[in-house]
């Protein structure tokens, strides 16, 4: 019995939108009027937030000691002990450092393993749709 190794299939190319304006630009015709209205109001709100942040950044002082990201995290993490926060941040730094120093073979193997749950879901759907316990392999 000879074993054939085949590479895992590539994940499907899916468009990912990060803003409401991107969704609105590409799918305006296929959306319901209420959805279009909601997206338009979201786009307007994004523009207002951007204009407010631009005006605030121009008027804010340059000598600010803590970045805005840390301020947002501090309010979200109120009530959590500082030692726990330090441990979590140290663990994140170690994980990021480990990712940066991985060899390409390990990285390729891990990326293939990350796709396995999706492939299993697709295969299960195939077996269920075919209503069989096994599907023949055509070589």
C-alpha atoms as a PDB file:
ATOM      1  CA  UNK A   1       0.000   0.000   0.000  1.00  0.00           C
ATOM      2  CA  UNK A   2       1.622   3.213  -1.129  1.00  0.00           C
ATOM      3  CA  UNK A   3       0.733   6.377   0.687  1.00  0.00           C
ATOM      4  CA  UNK A   4       0.146   9.510  -1.292  1.00  0.00           C
ATOM      5  CA  UNK A   5       0.562  12.832   0.427  1.00  0.00           C
ATOM      6  CA  UNK A   6      -1.430  15.677  -0.963  1.00  0.00           C
ATOM      7  CA  UNK A   7      -1.185  19.283   0.161  1.00  0.00           C
ATOM      8  CA  UNK A   8      -4.128  20.689   2.028  1.00  0.00           C
ATOM      9  CA  UNK A   9      -6.431  22.837  -0.077  1.00  0.00           C
ATOM     10  CA  UNK A  10      -5.999  26.573   0.115  1.00  0.00           C
ATOM     11  CA  UNK A  11      -8.646  28.460   2.063  1.00  0.00           C
ATOM     12  CA  UNK A  12     -11.298  30.118  -0.083  1.00  0.00           C
ATOM     13  CA  UNK A  13     -10.693  33.738  -1.006  1.00  0.00           C
ATOM     14  CA  UNK A  14     -13.269  35.676   0.964  1.00  0.00           C
ATOM     15  CA  UNK A  15     -13.612  39.436   0.950  1.00  0.00           C
ATOM     16  CA  UNK A  16     -13.416  40.932   4.397  1.00  0.00           C
ATOM     17  CA  UNK A  17     -14.745  44.373   5.072  1.00  0.00           C
ATOM     18  CA  UNK A  18     -13.463  46.488   7.908  1.00  0.00           C
ATOM     19  CA  UNK A  19     -15.826  49.432   7.504  1.00  0.00           C
ATOM     20  CA  UNK A  20     -19.473  49.982   6.774  1.00  0.00           C
ATOM     21  CA  UNK A  21     -18.560  52.156   3.785  1.00  0.00           C
ATOM     22  CA  UNK A  22     -16.772  49.192   2.161  1.00  0.00           C
ATOM     23  CA  UNK A  23     -19.852  47.012   2.523  1.00  0.00           C
ATOM     24  CA  UNK A  24     -22.091  49.792   1.254  1.00  0.00           C
ATOM     25  CA  UNK A  25     -19.941  50.416  -1.833  1.00  0.00           C
ATOM     26  CA  UNK A  26     -19.865  46.803  -2.953  1.00  0.00           C
ATOM     27  CA  UNK A  27     -23.334  45.504  -2.069  1.00  0.00           C
ATOM     28  CA  UNK A  28     -25.683  48.508  -2.165  1.00  0.00           C
ATOM     29  CA  UNK A  29     -27.925  47.085  -4.918  1.00  0.00           C
ATOM     30  CA  UNK A  30     -28.482  43.715  -3.239  1.00  0.00           C
ATOM     31  CA  UNK A  31     -29.347  45.037   0.219  1.00  0.00           C
ATOM     32  CA  UNK A  32     -32.711  45.890   1.691  1.00  0.00           C
ATOM     33  CA  UNK A  33     -33.490  49.615   1.992  1.00  0.00           C
ATOM     34  CA  UNK A  34     -33.430  49.462   5.802  1.00  0.00           C
ATOM     35  CA  UNK A  35     -29.982  47.870   5.754  1.00  0.00           C
ATOM     36  CA  UNK A  36     -28.724  50.494   3.294  1.00  0.00           C
ATOM     37  CA  UNK A  37     -30.072  53.225   5.571  1.00  0.00           C
ATOM     38  CA  UNK A  38     -28.398  51.707   8.620  1.00  0.00           C
ATOM     39  CA  UNK A  39     -25.085  51.418   6.776  1.00  0.00           C
ATOM     40  CA  UNK A  40     -25.334  55.019   5.559  1.00  0.00           C
ATOM     41  CA  UNK A  41     -25.938  56.266   9.095  1.00  0.00           C
ATOM     42  CA  UNK A  42     -22.957  54.227  10.287  1.00  0.00           C
ATOM     43  CA  UNK A  43     -20.764  55.732   7.562  1.00  0.00           C
ATOM     44  CA  UNK A  44     -21.869  59.230   8.591  1.00  0.00           C
ATOM     45  CA  UNK A  45     -21.088  58.441  12.226  1.00  0.00           C
ATOM     46  CA  UNK A  46     -17.623  57.170  11.211  1.00  0.00           C
ATOM     47  CA  UNK A  47     -16.974  60.408   9.328  1.00  0.00           C
ATOM     48  CA  UNK A  48     -18.047  62.480  12.360  1.00  0.00           C
ATOM     49  CA  UNK A  49     -15.761  60.473  14.646  1.00  0.00           C
ATOM     50  CA  UNK A  50     -12.834  60.871  12.221  1.00  0.00           C
ATOM     51  CA  UNK A  51     -13.369  64.621  11.937  1.00  0.00           C
ATOM     52  CA  UNK A  52     -13.632  64.951  15.722  1.00  0.00           C
ATOM     53  CA  UNK A  53     -10.471  62.921  16.279  1.00  0.00           C
ATOM     54  CA  UNK A  54      -8.623  65.001  13.659  1.00  0.00           C
ATOM     55  CA  UNK A  55      -9.623  68.266  15.327  1.00  0.00           C
ATOM     56  CA  UNK A  56      -8.746  66.910  18.770  1.00  0.00           C
ATOM     57  CA  UNK A  57      -5.355  65.653  17.618  1.00  0.00           C
ATOM     58  CA  UNK A  58      -4.527  69.122  16.261  1.00  0.00           C
ATOM     59  CA  UNK A  59      -5.452  70.797  19.544  1.00  0.00           C
ATOM     60  CA  UNK A  60      -3.968  68.199  21.924  1.00  0.00           C
ATOM     61  CA  UNK A  61      -0.583  68.798  23.472  1.00  0.00           C
ATOM     62  CA  UNK A  62       2.479  66.987  22.211  1.00  0.00           C
ATOM     63  CA  UNK A  63       3.733  66.196  25.750  1.00  0.00           C
ATOM     64  CA  UNK A  64       1.111  63.522  26.384  1.00  0.00           C
ATOM     65  CA  UNK A  65       2.836  60.720  28.341  1.00  0.00           C
ATOM     66  CA  UNK A  66       0.418  57.784  27.888  1.00  0.00           C
ATOM     67  CA  UNK A  67      -0.961  56.728  24.519  1.00  0.00           C
ATOM     68  CA  UNK A  68      -4.704  56.672  23.930  1.00  0.00           C
ATOM     69  CA  UNK A  69      -4.667  52.879  23.626  1.00  0.00           C
ATOM     70  CA  UNK A  70      -3.325  52.487  27.160  1.00  0.00           C
ATOM     71  CA  UNK A  71      -5.960  54.898  28.491  1.00  0.00           C
ATOM     72  CA  UNK A  72      -8.716  52.839  26.892  1.00  0.00           C
ATOM     73  CA  UNK A  73      -7.229  49.631  28.297  1.00  0.00           C
ATOM     74  CA  UNK A  74      -6.895  51.112  31.779  1.00  0.00           C
ATOM     75  CA  UNK A  75     -10.595  51.949  31.951  1.00  0.00           C
ATOM     76  CA  UNK A  76     -11.514  48.492  30.636  1.00  0.00           C
ATOM     77  CA  UNK A  77      -9.189  46.764  33.105  1.00  0.00           C
ATOM     78  CA  UNK A  78     -10.260  48.625  36.227  1.00  0.00           C
ATOM     79  CA  UNK A  79     -10.678  46.197  39.108  1.00  0.00           C
ATOM     80  CA  UNK A  80      -8.125  43.705  37.729  1.00  0.00           C
ATOM     81  CA  UNK A  81      -4.930  43.334  39.729  1.00  0.00           C
ATOM     82  CA  UNK A  82      -1.834  44.887  38.213  1.00  0.00           C
ATOM     83  CA  UNK A  83       0.198  41.706  38.746  1.00  0.00           C
ATOM     84  CA  UNK A  84      -2.291  39.723  36.636  1.00  0.00           C
ATOM     85  CA  UNK A  85      -2.144  42.352  33.892  1.00  0.00           C
ATOM     86  CA  UNK A  86       1.667  42.221  33.961  1.00  0.00           C
ATOM     87  CA  UNK A  87       1.645  38.400  33.697  1.00  0.00           C
ATOM     88  CA  UNK A  88      -0.723  38.521  30.723  1.00  0.00           C
ATOM     89  CA  UNK A  89       1.354  41.166  28.952  1.00  0.00           C
ATOM     90  CA  UNK A  90       4.547  39.159  29.560  1.00  0.00           C
ATOM     91  CA  UNK A  91       2.882  36.047  28.143  1.00  0.00           C
ATOM     92  CA  UNK A  92       1.764  37.994  25.060  1.00  0.00           C
ATOM     93  CA  UNK A  93       5.309  39.309  24.558  1.00  0.00           C
ATOM     94  CA  UNK A  94       6.720  35.758  24.790  1.00  0.00           C
ATOM     95  CA  UNK A  95       4.133  34.478  22.299  1.00  0.00           C
ATOM     96  CA  UNK A  96       4.904  37.276  19.833  1.00  0.00           C
ATOM     97  CA  UNK A  97       8.647  36.687  20.217  1.00  0.00           C
ATOM     98  CA  UNK A  98       8.147  32.960  19.638  1.00  0.00           C
ATOM     99  CA  UNK A  99       6.133  33.631  16.483  1.00  0.00           C
ATOM    100  CA  UNK A 100       8.856  35.891  15.159  1.00  0.00           C
ATOM    101  CA  UNK A 101      11.598  33.302  15.669  1.00  0.00           C
ATOM    102  CA  UNK A 102       9.830  30.216  14.249  1.00  0.00           C
ATOM    103  CA  UNK A 103      11.432  28.345  11.396  1.00  0.00           C
ATOM    104  CA  UNK A 104       9.501  28.284   8.082  1.00  0.00           C
ATOM    105  CA  UNK A 105       8.760  24.544   8.242  1.00  0.00           C
ATOM    106  CA  UNK A 106       7.092  24.868  11.639  1.00  0.00           C
ATOM    107  CA  UNK A 107       5.192  27.921  10.459  1.00  0.00           C
ATOM    108  CA  UNK A 108       3.916  26.048   7.389  1.00  0.00           C
ATOM    109  CA  UNK A 109       2.845  23.072   9.517  1.00  0.00           C
ATOM    110  CA  UNK A 110       1.015  25.288  12.001  1.00  0.00           C
ATOM    111  CA  UNK A 111      -0.793  27.180   9.241  1.00  0.00           C
ATOM    112  CA  UNK A 112      -1.938  23.847   7.772  1.00  0.00           C
ATOM    113  CA  UNK A 113      -3.136  22.708  11.179  1.00  0.00           C
ATOM    114  CA  UNK A 114      -5.072  25.961  11.660  1.00  0.00           C
ATOM    115  CA  UNK A 115      -7.066  25.173   8.506  1.00  0.00           C
ATOM    116  CA  UNK A 116      -7.963  21.655   9.653  1.00  0.00           C
ATOM    117  CA  UNK A 117     -11.164  22.555  11.575  1.00  0.00           C
ATOM    118  CA  UNK A 118     -12.602  24.277   8.500  1.00  0.00           C
ATOM    119  CA  UNK A 119     -11.636  21.335   6.280  1.00  0.00           C
ATOM    120  CA  UNK A 120     -13.254  18.917   8.757  1.00  0.00           C
ATOM    121  CA  UNK A 121     -16.435  20.977   8.662  1.00  0.00           C
ATOM    122  CA  UNK A 122     -16.461  20.899   4.853  1.00  0.00           C
ATOM    123  CA  UNK A 123     -15.865  17.143   4.778  1.00  0.00           C
ATOM    124  CA  UNK A 124     -18.595  16.508   7.341  1.00  0.00           C
ATOM    125  CA  UNK A 125     -21.005  18.589   5.277  1.00  0.00           C
ATOM    126  CA  UNK A 126     -20.067  16.541   2.221  1.00  0.00           C
ATOM    127  CA  UNK A 127     -20.711  13.232   3.980  1.00  0.00           C
ATOM    128  CA  UNK A 128     -24.021  14.472   5.381  1.00  0.00           C
ATOM    129  CA  UNK A 129     -25.163  15.798   2.008  1.00  0.00           C
ATOM    130  CA  UNK A 130     -24.251  12.510   0.302  1.00  0.00           C
ATOM    131  CA  UNK A 131     -26.052  10.560   3.077  1.00  0.00           C
ATOM    132  CA  UNK A 132     -23.270   8.000   3.259  1.00  0.00           C
ATOM    133  CA  UNK A 133     -20.926   6.664   5.873  1.00  0.00           C
ATOM    134  CA  UNK A 134     -18.077   6.560   3.356  1.00  0.00           C
ATOM    135  CA  UNK A 135     -17.398   8.064  -0.051  1.00  0.00           C
ATOM    136  CA  UNK A 136     -15.337   6.206  -2.621  1.00  0.00           C
ATOM    137  CA  UNK A 137     -11.912   7.562  -3.488  1.00  0.00           C
ATOM    138  CA  UNK A 138     -11.345   8.006  -7.228  1.00  0.00           C
ATOM    139  CA  UNK A 139      -7.654   7.949  -8.113  1.00  0.00           C
END
